[in-house]
Amino acid sequence: RDWKRQNQKQQSKPELSAKLGKLQKKADGLSYRLMMEYLRDPD
């Protein structure tokens, strides 16, 4: 029982995954928007 507890992969909590996923989406979106702004007006 103890071996199984130590070696099985613990799954993340859905609410944590959702929060980190939203942060990732926001950051990756900011990167793309910054590039599109640079393409339109680099100066």
All heavy atoms as atom14 arrays in JSON, in Angstrom:
{
  "sequence": "RDWKRQNQKQQSKPELSAKLGKLQKKADGLSYRLMMEYLRDPD",
  "atom14_mask": [
    [1, 1, 1, 1, 1, 1, 1, 1, 1, 1, 1, 0, 0, 0],
    [1, 1, 1, 1, 1, 1, 1, 1, 0, 0, 0, 0, 0, 0],
    [1, 1, 1, 1, 1, 1, 1, 1, 1, 1, 1, 1, 1, 1],
    [1, 1, 1, 1, 1, 1, 1, 1, 1, 0, 0, 0, 0, 0],
    [1, 1, 1, 1, 1, 1, 1, 1, 1, 1, 1, 0, 0, 0],
    [1, 1, 1, 1, 1, 1, 1, 1, 1, 0, 0, 0, 0, 0],
    [1, 1, 1, 1, 1, 1, 1, 1, 0, 0, 0, 0, 0, 0],
    [1, 1, 1, 1, 1, 1, 1, 1, 1, 0, 0, 0, 0, 0],
    [1, 1, 1, 1, 1, 1, 1, 1, 1, 0, 0, 0, 0, 0],
    [1, 1, 1, 1, 1, 1, 1, 1, 1, 0, 0, 0, 0, 0],
    [1, 1, 1, 1, 1, 1, 1, 1, 1, 0, 0, 0, 0, 0],
    [1, 1, 1, 1, 1, 1, 0, 0, 0, 0, 0, 0, 0, 0],
    [1, 1, 1, 1, 1, 1, 1, 1, 1, 0, 0, 0, 0, 0],
    [1, 1, 1, 1, 1, 1, 1, 0, 0, 0, 0, 0, 0, 0],
    [1, 1, 1, 1, 1, 1, 1, 1, 1, 0, 0, 0, 0, 0],
    [1, 1, 1, 1, 1, 1, 1, 1, 0, 0, 0, 0, 0, 0],
    [1, 1, 1, 1, 1, 1, 0, 0, 0, 0, 0, 0, 0, 0],
    [1, 1, 1, 1, 1, 0, 0, 0, 0, 0, 0, 0, 0, 0],
    [1, 1, 1, 1, 1, 1, 1, 1, 1, 0, 0, 0, 0, 0],
    [1, 1, 1, 1, 1, 1, 1, 1, 0, 0, 0, 0, 0, 0],
    [1, 1, 1, 1, 0, 0, 0, 0, 0, 0, 0, 0, 0, 0],
    [1, 1, 1, 1, 1, 1, 1, 1, 1, 0, 0, 0, 0, 0],
    [1, 1, 1, 1, 1, 1, 1, 1, 0, 0, 0, 0, 0, 0],
    [1, 1, 1, 1, 1, 1, 1, 1, 1, 0, 0, 0, 0, 0],
    [1, 1, 1, 1, 1, 1, 1, 1, 1, 0, 0, 0, 0, 0],
    [1, 1, 1, 1, 1, 1, 1, 1, 1, 0, 0, 0, 0, 0],
    [1, 1, 1, 1, 1, 0, 0, 0, 0, 0, 0, 0, 0, 0],
    [1, 1, 1, 1, 1, 1, 1, 1, 0, 0, 0, 0, 0, 0],
    [1, 1, 1, 1, 0, 0, 0, 0, 0, 0, 0, 0, 0, 0],
    [1, 1, 1, 1, 1, 1, 1, 1, 0, 0, 0, 0, 0, 0],
    [1, 1, 1, 1, 1, 1, 0, 0, 0, 0, 0, 0, 0, 0],
    [1, 1, 1, 1, 1, 1, 1, 1, 1, 1, 1, 1, 0, 0],
    [1, 1, 1, 1, 1, 1, 1, 1, 1, 1, 1, 0, 0, 0],
    [1, 1, 1, 1, 1, 1, 1, 1, 0, 0, 0, 0, 0, 0],
    [1, 1, 1, 1, 1, 1, 1, 1, 0, 0, 0, 0, 0, 0],
    [1, 1, 1, 1, 1, 1, 1, 1, 0, 0, 0, 0, 0, 0],
    [1, 1, 1, 1, 1, 1, 1, 1, 1, 0, 0, 0, 0, 0],
    [1, 1, 1, 1, 1, 1, 1, 1, 1, 1, 1, 1, 0, 0],
    [1, 1, 1, 1, 1, 1, 1, 1, 0, 0, 0, 0, 0, 0],
    [1, 1, 1, 1, 1, 1, 1, 1, 1, 1, 1, 0, 0, 0],
    [1, 1, 1, 1, 1, 1, 1, 1, 0, 0, 0, 0, 0, 0],
    [1, 1, 1, 1, 1, 1, 1, 0, 0, 0, 0, 0, 0, 0],
    [1, 1, 1, 1, 1, 1, 1, 1, 0, 0, 0, 0, 0, 0]
  ],
  "atom14_positions": [
    [[0.83, -1.21, 0.0], [0.0, 0.0, 0.0], [0.87, 1.25, 0.0], [0.64, 2.19, -0.76], [-0.92, 0.0, 1.22], [-1.9, 1.18, 1.26], [-2.48, 1.34, 2.65], [-1.44, 1.7, 3.61], [-1.51, 1.47, 4.92], [-2.53, 0.84, 5.43], [-0.51, 1.84, 5.71], [0.0, 0.0, 0.0], [0.0, 0.0, 0.0], [0.0, 0.0, 0.0]],
    [[1.91, 1.26, 0.87], [2.79, 2.42, 0.95], [3.59, 2.6, -0.34], [3.81, 3.73, -0.79], [3.76, 2.27, 2.14], [3.04, 2.41, 3.48], [1.9, 2.91, 3.47], [3.61, 2.02, 4.51], [0.0, 0.0, 0.0], [0.0, 0.0, 0.0], [0.0, 0.0, 0.0], [0.0, 0.0, 0.0], [0.0, 0.0, 0.0], [0.0, 0.0, 0.0]],
    [[4.02, 1.48, -0.93], [4.77, 1.57, -2.2], [3.88, 2.17, -3.29], [4.32, 3.02, -4.06], [5.25, 0.17, -2.61], [6.02, 0.2, -3.9], [7.36, 0.39, -4.05], [5.49, 0.03, -5.22], [7.7, 0.37, -5.39], [6.57, 0.15, -6.12], [4.21, -0.2, -5.73], [6.42, 0.02, -7.5], [4.04, -0.31, -7.1], [5.13, -0.2, -7.97]],
    [[2.64, 1.71, -3.34], [1.73, 2.2, -4.37], [1.47, 3.69, -4.19], [1.44, 4.46, -5.15], [0.41, 1.41, -4.3], [-0.57, 1.78, -5.43], [-1.83, 0.93, -5.34], [-2.81, 1.3, -6.44], [-4.06, 0.52, -6.36], [0.0, 0.0, 0.0], [0.0, 0.0, 0.0], [0.0, 0.0, 0.0], [0.0, 0.0, 0.0], [0.0, 0.0, 0.0]],
    [[1.28, 4.13, -2.96], [1.03, 5.54, -2.67], [2.2, 6.41, -3.12], [2.03, 7.51, -3.62], [0.76, 5.74, -1.18], [-0.63, 5.34, -0.75], [-0.79, 5.55, 0.75], [-2.16, 5.33, 1.17], [-2.55, 5.4, 2.44], [-1.67, 5.65, 3.4], [-3.81, 5.21, 2.76], [0.0, 0.0, 0.0], [0.0, 0.0, 0.0], [0.0, 0.0, 0.0]],
    [[3.42, 5.88, -2.91], [4.61, 6.67, -3.23], [4.9, 6.69, -4.72], [5.5, 7.63, -5.23], [5.83, 6.11, -2.49], [5.76, 6.34, -0.99], [7.0, 5.78, -0.31], [8.11, 6.1, -0.69], [6.79, 4.95, 0.69], [0.0, 0.0, 0.0], [0.0, 0.0, 0.0], [0.0, 0.0, 0.0], [0.0, 0.0, 0.0], [0.0, 0.0, 0.0]],
    [[4.48, 5.64, -5.46], [4.89, 5.52, -6.86], [3.79, 5.87, -7.87], [4.1, 6.1, -9.03], [5.39, 4.1, -7.13], [6.74, 3.85, -6.47], [7.76, 4.23, -6.98], [6.71, 3.22, -5.3], [0.0, 0.0, 0.0], [0.0, 0.0, 0.0], [0.0, 0.0, 0.0], [0.0, 0.0, 0.0], [0.0, 0.0, 0.0], [0.0, 0.0, 0.0]],
    [[2.54, 5.88, -7.47], [1.51, 6.27, -8.43], [1.56, 7.77, -8.68], [1.97, 8.54, -7.81], [0.12, 5.87, -7.91], [-0.35, 6.67, -6.71], [-1.69, 6.17, -6.2], [-2.1, 5.07, -6.49], [-2.36, 6.97, -5.41], [0.0, 0.0, 0.0], [0.0, 0.0, 0.0], [0.0, 0.0, 0.0], [0.0, 0.0, 0.0], [0.0, 0.0, 0.0]],
    [[1.2, 8.16, -9.86], [1.22, 9.57, -10.22], [0.0, 10.26, -9.65], [-1.15, 9.88, -9.94], [1.27, 9.73, -11.74], [2.61, 9.32, -12.34], [2.62, 9.5, -13.84], [3.97, 9.09, -14.41], [4.0, 9.15, -15.89], [0.0, 0.0, 0.0], [0.0, 0.0, 0.0], [0.0, 0.0, 0.0], [0.0, 0.0, 0.0], [0.0, 0.0, 0.0]],
    [[0.22, 11.24, -8.83], [-0.87, 11.98, -8.22], [-1.43, 12.95, -9.25], [-0.69, 13.69, -9.9], [-0.35, 12.75, -7.0], [-1.44, 13.46, -6.21], [-2.35, 12.48, -5.49], [-1.99, 11.34, -5.28], [-3.53, 12.94, -5.13], [0.0, 0.0, 0.0], [0.0, 0.0, 0.0], [0.0, 0.0, 0.0], [0.0, 0.0, 0.0], [0.0, 0.0, 0.0]],
    [[-2.74, 12.95, -9.41], [-3.37, 13.82, -10.4], [-3.6, 15.22, -9.82], [-3.87, 15.38, -8.64], [-4.72, 13.24, -10.86], [-4.6, 11.86, -11.51], [-3.69, 11.86, -12.72], [-3.88, 12.66, -13.64], [-2.7, 10.99, -12.72], [0.0, 0.0, 0.0], [0.0, 0.0, 0.0], [0.0, 0.0, 0.0], [0.0, 0.0, 0.0], [0.0, 0.0, 0.0]],
    [[-3.48, 16.22, -10.69], [-3.69, 17.6, -10.25], [-5.16, 17.84, -9.93], [-6.04, 17.12, -10.41], [-3.24, 18.57, -11.34], [-4.05, 18.39, -12.49], [0.0, 0.0, 0.0], [0.0, 0.0, 0.0], [0.0, 0.0, 0.0], [0.0, 0.0, 0.0], [0.0, 0.0, 0.0], [0.0, 0.0, 0.0], [0.0, 0.0, 0.0], [0.0, 0.0, 0.0]],
    [[-5.43, 18.86, -9.13], [-6.81, 19.25, -8.85], [-7.33, 20.07, -10.03], [-6.63, 20.96, -10.53], [-6.87, 20.07, -7.57], [-6.47, 19.3, -6.31], [-7.49, 18.21, -5.99], [-8.8, 18.79, -5.49], [-9.82, 17.74, -5.28], [0.0, 0.0, 0.0], [0.0, 0.0, 0.0], [0.0, 0.0, 0.0], [0.0, 0.0, 0.0], [0.0, 0.0, 0.0]],
    [[-8.54, 19.79, -10.52], [-9.06, 20.48, -11.71], [-9.06, 22.0, -11.59], [-8.76, 22.7, -12.56], [-10.5, 19.94, -11.82], [-10.47, 18.62, -11.13], [-9.47, 18.76, -10.02], [0.0, 0.0, 0.0], [0.0, 0.0, 0.0], [0.0, 0.0, 0.0], [0.0, 0.0, 0.0], [0.0, 0.0, 0.0], [0.0, 0.0, 0.0], [0.0, 0.0, 0.0]],
    [[-9.36, 22.53, -10.39], [-9.4, 23.98, -10.24], [-8.01, 24.61, -10.39], [-7.88, 25.74, -10.88], [-10.04, 24.39, -8.91], [-9.47, 23.71, -7.67], [-10.18, 22.43, -7.3], [-10.39, 21.57, -8.19], [-10.53, 22.26, -6.12], [0.0, 0.0, 0.0], [0.0, 0.0, 0.0], [0.0, 0.0, 0.0], [0.0, 0.0, 0.0], [0.0, 0.0, 0.0]],
    [[-6.98, 23.85, -9.99], [-5.61, 24.34, -10.17], [-5.22, 24.31, -11.64], [-4.62, 25.25, -12.15], [-4.63, 23.49, -9.35], [-4.22, 23.98, -7.96], [-3.44, 25.27, -8.06], [-5.42, 24.14, -7.05], [0.0, 0.0, 0.0], [0.0, 0.0, 0.0], [0.0, 0.0, 0.0], [0.0, 0.0, 0.0], [0.0, 0.0, 0.0], [0.0, 0.0, 0.0]],
    [[-5.56, 23.23, -12.33], [-5.27, 23.11, -13.76], [-5.94, 24.23, -14.54], [-5.35, 24.82, -15.45], [-5.76, 21.75, -14.29], [-5.06, 20.7, -13.69], [0.0, 0.0, 0.0], [0.0, 0.0, 0.0], [0.0, 0.0, 0.0], [0.0, 0.0, 0.0], [0.0, 0.0, 0.0], [0.0, 0.0, 0.0], [0.0, 0.0, 0.0], [0.0, 0.0, 0.0]],
    [[-7.18, 24.53, -14.16], [-7.93, 25.58, -14.87], [-7.27, 26.94, -14.68], [-7.14, 27.72, -15.63], [-9.37, 25.62, -14.37], [0.0, 0.0, 0.0], [0.0, 0.0, 0.0], [0.0, 0.0, 0.0], [0.0, 0.0, 0.0], [0.0, 0.0, 0.0], [0.0, 0.0, 0.0], [0.0, 0.0, 0.0], [0.0, 0.0, 0.0], [0.0, 0.0, 0.0]],
    [[-6.84, 27.22, -13.46], [-6.21, 28.53, -13.19], [-4.88, 28.67, -13.94], [-4.61, 29.71, -14.54], [-5.99, 28.71, -11.68], [-7.25, 29.14, -10.94], [-6.95, 29.46, -9.5], [-8.15, 30.14, -8.86], [-8.43, 31.45, -9.45], [0.0, 0.0, 0.0], [0.0, 0.0, 0.0], [0.0, 0.0, 0.0], [0.0, 0.0, 0.0], [0.0, 0.0, 0.0]],
    [[-4.06, 27.64, -13.89], [-2.77, 27.7, -14.6], [-2.99, 27.75, -16.11], [-2.25, 28.41, -16.84], [-1.9, 26.5, -14.21], [-1.37, 26.49, -12.78], [-0.69, 25.16, -12.46], [-0.41, 27.65, -12.53], [0.0, 0.0, 0.0], [0.0, 0.0, 0.0], [0.0, 0.0, 0.0], [0.0, 0.0, 0.0], [0.0, 0.0, 0.0], [0.0, 0.0, 0.0]],
    [[-4.03, 27.05, -16.58], [-4.35, 27.08, -18.0], [-4.76, 28.46, -18.47], [-4.38, 28.91, -19.56], [0.0, 0.0, 0.0], [0.0, 0.0, 0.0], [0.0, 0.0, 0.0], [0.0, 0.0, 0.0], [0.0, 0.0, 0.0], [0.0, 0.0, 0.0], [0.0, 0.0, 0.0], [0.0, 0.0, 0.0], [0.0, 0.0, 0.0], [0.0, 0.0, 0.0]],
    [[-5.53, 29.19, -17.64], [-5.94, 30.55, -17.98], [-4.73, 31.48, -18.05], [-4.65, 32.36, -18.92], [-6.96, 31.07, -16.96], [-8.35, 30.5, -17.12], [-9.3, 31.05, -16.07], [-10.7, 30.45, -16.2], [-11.61, 30.95, -15.14], [0.0, 0.0, 0.0], [0.0, 0.0, 0.0], [0.0, 0.0, 0.0], [0.0, 0.0, 0.0], [0.0, 0.0, 0.0]],
    [[-3.79, 31.31, -17.11], [-2.58, 32.14, -17.12], [-1.75, 31.87, -18.37], [-1.22, 32.79, -19.0], [-1.75, 31.88, -15.86], [-2.34, 32.38, -14.54], [-1.45, 31.95, -13.37], [-2.48, 33.9, -14.54], [0.0, 0.0, 0.0], [0.0, 0.0, 0.0], [0.0, 0.0, 0.0], [0.0, 0.0, 0.0], [0.0, 0.0, 0.0], [0.0, 0.0, 0.0]],
    [[-1.64, 30.58, -18.74], [-0.89, 30.22, -19.95], [-1.54, 30.84, -21.18], [-0.86, 31.41, -22.05], [-0.83, 28.7, -20.11], [-0.14, 28.27, -21.4], [-0.17, 26.77, -21.61], [-0.29, 26.0, -20.66], [-0.06, 26.34, -22.85], [0.0, 0.0, 0.0], [0.0, 0.0, 0.0], [0.0, 0.0, 0.0], [0.0, 0.0, 0.0], [0.0, 0.0, 0.0]],
    [[-2.86, 30.74, -21.28], [-3.58, 31.29, -22.44], [-3.38, 32.8, -22.53], [-3.18, 33.36, -23.62], [-5.07, 30.96, -22.31], [-5.9, 31.39, -23.51], [-7.35, 30.94, -23.34], [-8.17, 31.37, -24.56], [-9.59, 30.95, -24.43], [0.0, 0.0, 0.0], [0.0, 0.0, 0.0], [0.0, 0.0, 0.0], [0.0, 0.0, 0.0], [0.0, 0.0, 0.0]],
    [[-3.42, 33.46, -21.38], [-3.24, 34.91, -21.36], [-1.83, 35.29, -21.81], [-1.65, 36.2, -22.63], [-3.5, 35.44, -19.95], [-3.45, 36.96, -19.83], [-3.82, 37.4, -18.41], [-3.77, 38.92, -18.3], [-4.14, 39.37, -16.92], [0.0, 0.0, 0.0], [0.0, 0.0, 0.0], [0.0, 0.0, 0.0], [0.0, 0.0, 0.0], [0.0, 0.0, 0.0]],
    [[-0.83, 34.58, -21.29], [0.57, 34.91, -21.62], [0.88, 34.63, -23.09], [1.47, 35.46, -23.78], [1.51, 34.11, -20.73], [0.0, 0.0, 0.0], [0.0, 0.0, 0.0], [0.0, 0.0, 0.0], [0.0, 0.0, 0.0], [0.0, 0.0, 0.0], [0.0, 0.0, 0.0], [0.0, 0.0, 0.0], [0.0, 0.0, 0.0], [0.0, 0.0, 0.0]],
    [[0.46, 33.46, -23.59], [0.73, 33.13, -24.99], [-0.03, 34.06, -25.93], [0.46, 34.4, -27.01], [0.37, 31.66, -25.26], [1.37, 30.69, -24.67], [2.5, 31.12, -24.38], [1.05, 29.51, -24.5], [0.0, 0.0, 0.0], [0.0, 0.0, 0.0], [0.0, 0.0, 0.0], [0.0, 0.0, 0.0], [0.0, 0.0, 0.0], [0.0, 0.0, 0.0]],
    [[-1.22, 34.5, -25.51], [-1.96, 35.47, -26.29], [-1.28, 36.82, -26.34], [-1.25, 37.5, -27.38], [0.0, 0.0, 0.0], [0.0, 0.0, 0.0], [0.0, 0.0, 0.0], [0.0, 0.0, 0.0], [0.0, 0.0, 0.0], [0.0, 0.0, 0.0], [0.0, 0.0, 0.0], [0.0, 0.0, 0.0], [0.0, 0.0, 0.0], [0.0, 0.0, 0.0]],
    [[-0.71, 37.24, -25.2], [0.02, 38.52, -25.15], [1.21, 38.51, -26.09], [1.51, 39.5, -26.76], [0.51, 38.78, -23.72], [-0.5, 39.38, -22.74], [0.1, 39.4, -21.33], [-0.88, 40.79, -23.14], [0.0, 0.0, 0.0], [0.0, 0.0, 0.0], [0.0, 0.0, 0.0], [0.0, 0.0, 0.0], [0.0, 0.0, 0.0], [0.0, 0.0, 0.0]],
    [[1.9, 37.39, -26.17], [3.06, 37.26, -27.05], [2.66, 37.48, -28.51], [3.3, 38.22, -29.24], [3.69, 35.88, -26.88], [4.74, 35.7, -27.81], [0.0, 0.0, 0.0], [0.0, 0.0, 0.0], [0.0, 0.0, 0.0], [0.0, 0.0, 0.0], [0.0, 0.0, 0.0], [0.0, 0.0, 0.0], [0.0, 0.0, 0.0], [0.0, 0.0, 0.0]],
    [[1.57, 36.83, -28.9], [1.11, 36.96, -30.3], [0.65, 38.39, -30.59], [0.98, 38.96, -31.64], [-0.05, 35.99, -30.54], [-0.67, 36.09, -31.91], [0.0, 35.65, -33.04], [-1.94, 36.65, -32.07], [-0.57, 35.75, -34.3], [-2.52, 36.75, -33.33], [-1.83, 36.29, -34.44], [-2.41, 36.41, -35.69], [0.0, 0.0, 0.0], [0.0, 0.0, 0.0]],
    [[-0.07, 39.0, -29.65], [-0.55, 40.37, -29.88], [0.6, 41.36, -29.97], [0.56, 42.32, -30.75], [-1.55, 40.77, -28.78], [-2.89, 40.04, -28.9], [-3.97, 40.71, -28.05], [-3.71, 40.59, -26.63], [-4.04, 39.52, -25.91], [-4.6, 38.47, -26.49], [-3.81, 39.49, -24.61], [0.0, 0.0, 0.0], [0.0, 0.0, 0.0], [0.0, 0.0, 0.0]],
    [[1.63, 41.14, -29.16], [2.81, 42.0, -29.23], [3.47, 41.89, -30.6], [3.87, 42.9, -31.2], [3.81, 41.62, -28.13], [5.14, 42.38, -28.13], [4.93, 43.89, -27.99], [6.03, 41.87, -27.0], [0.0, 0.0, 0.0], [0.0, 0.0, 0.0], [0.0, 0.0, 0.0], [0.0, 0.0, 0.0], [0.0, 0.0, 0.0], [0.0, 0.0, 0.0]],
    [[3.55, 40.68, -31.14], [4.14, 40.49, -32.46], [3.29, 41.12, -33.55], [3.82, 41.73, -34.5], [4.33, 39.0, -32.75], [5.59, 38.4, -32.18], [7.08, 39.38, -32.55], [6.92, 39.61, -34.31], [0.0, 0.0, 0.0], [0.0, 0.0, 0.0], [0.0, 0.0, 0.0], [0.0, 0.0, 0.0], [0.0, 0.0, 0.0], [0.0, 0.0, 0.0]],
    [[1.98, 41.01, -33.45], [1.11, 41.61, -34.46], [1.2, 43.13, -34.42], [1.16, 43.81, -35.46], [-0.34, 41.16, -34.25], [-0.56, 39.66, -34.46], [0.11, 39.05, -36.04], [-0.97, 39.91, -37.2], [0.0, 0.0, 0.0], [0.0, 0.0, 0.0], [0.0, 0.0, 0.0], [0.0, 0.0, 0.0], [0.0, 0.0, 0.0], [0.0, 0.0, 0.0]],
    [[1.35, 43.68, -33.21], [1.53, 45.13, -33.08], [2.85, 45.55, -33.72], [2.93, 46.57, -34.39], [1.49, 45.53, -31.6], [1.52, 47.04, -31.39], [1.44, 47.43, -29.92], [1.17, 46.55, -29.07], [1.68, 48.62, -29.63], [0.0, 0.0, 0.0], [0.0, 0.0, 0.0], [0.0, 0.0, 0.0], [0.0, 0.0, 0.0], [0.0, 0.0, 0.0]],
    [[3.89, 44.74, -33.53], [5.19, 45.06, -34.12], [5.13, 44.99, -35.64], [5.74, 45.8, -36.34], [6.24, 44.08, -33.59], [7.64, 44.37, -34.09], [8.4, 45.4, -33.54], [8.19, 43.63, -35.14], [9.68, 45.69, -34.0], [9.47, 43.9, -35.61], [10.21, 44.94, -35.04], [11.46, 45.23, -35.52], [0.0, 0.0, 0.0], [0.0, 0.0, 0.0]],
    [[4.4, 44.02, -36.17], [4.25, 43.9, -37.63], [3.53, 45.12, -38.21], [3.86, 45.59, -39.3], [3.49, 42.63, -37.98], [4.32, 41.34, -37.98], [3.42, 40.11, -37.91], [5.19, 41.27, -39.24], [0.0, 0.0, 0.0], [0.0, 0.0, 0.0], [0.0, 0.0, 0.0], [0.0, 0.0, 0.0], [0.0, 0.0, 0.0], [0.0, 0.0, 0.0]],
    [[2.55, 45.64, -37.45], [1.79, 46.81, -37.93], [2.59, 48.09, -37.77], [2.56, 48.97, -38.66], [0.45, 46.93, -37.16], [-0.59, 45.9, -37.54], [-1.93, 46.25, -36.93], [-1.89, 46.27, -35.47], [-2.14, 45.23, -34.7], [-2.44, 44.06, -35.24], [-2.07, 45.33, -33.38], [0.0, 0.0, 0.0], [0.0, 0.0, 0.0], [0.0, 0.0, 0.0]],
    [[3.26, 48.25, -36.64], [3.95, 49.51, -36.35], [5.2, 49.24, -35.49], [5.17, 49.42, -34.28], [3.0, 50.47, -35.63], [3.54, 51.88, -35.54], [4.74, 52.09, -35.84], [2.76, 52.79, -35.17], [0.0, 0.0, 0.0], [0.0, 0.0, 0.0], [0.0, 0.0, 0.0], [0.0, 0.0, 0.0], [0.0, 0.0, 0.0], [0.0, 0.0, 0.0]],
    [[6.3, 48.81, -36.13], [7.5, 48.47, -35.34], [8.05, 49.65, -34.55], [8.55, 49.47, -33.43], [8.49, 47.99, -36.4], [7.97, 48.47, -37.7], [6.49, 48.56, -37.55], [0.0, 0.0, 0.0], [0.0, 0.0, 0.0], [0.0, 0.0, 0.0], [0.0, 0.0, 0.0], [0.0, 0.0, 0.0], [0.0, 0.0, 0.0], [0.0, 0.0, 0.0]],
    [[7.96, 50.85, -35.1], [8.51, 52.03, -34.4], [7.79, 52.27, -33.08], [8.42, 52.69, -32.09], [8.39, 53.27, -35.29], [9.31, 53.21, -36.5], [10.29, 52.43, -36.44], [9.05, 53.9, -37.49], [0.0, 0.0, 0.0], [0.0, 0.0, 0.0], [0.0, 0.0, 0.0], [0.0, 0.0, 0.0], [0.0, 0.0, 0.0], [0.0, 0.0, 0.0]]
  ]
}
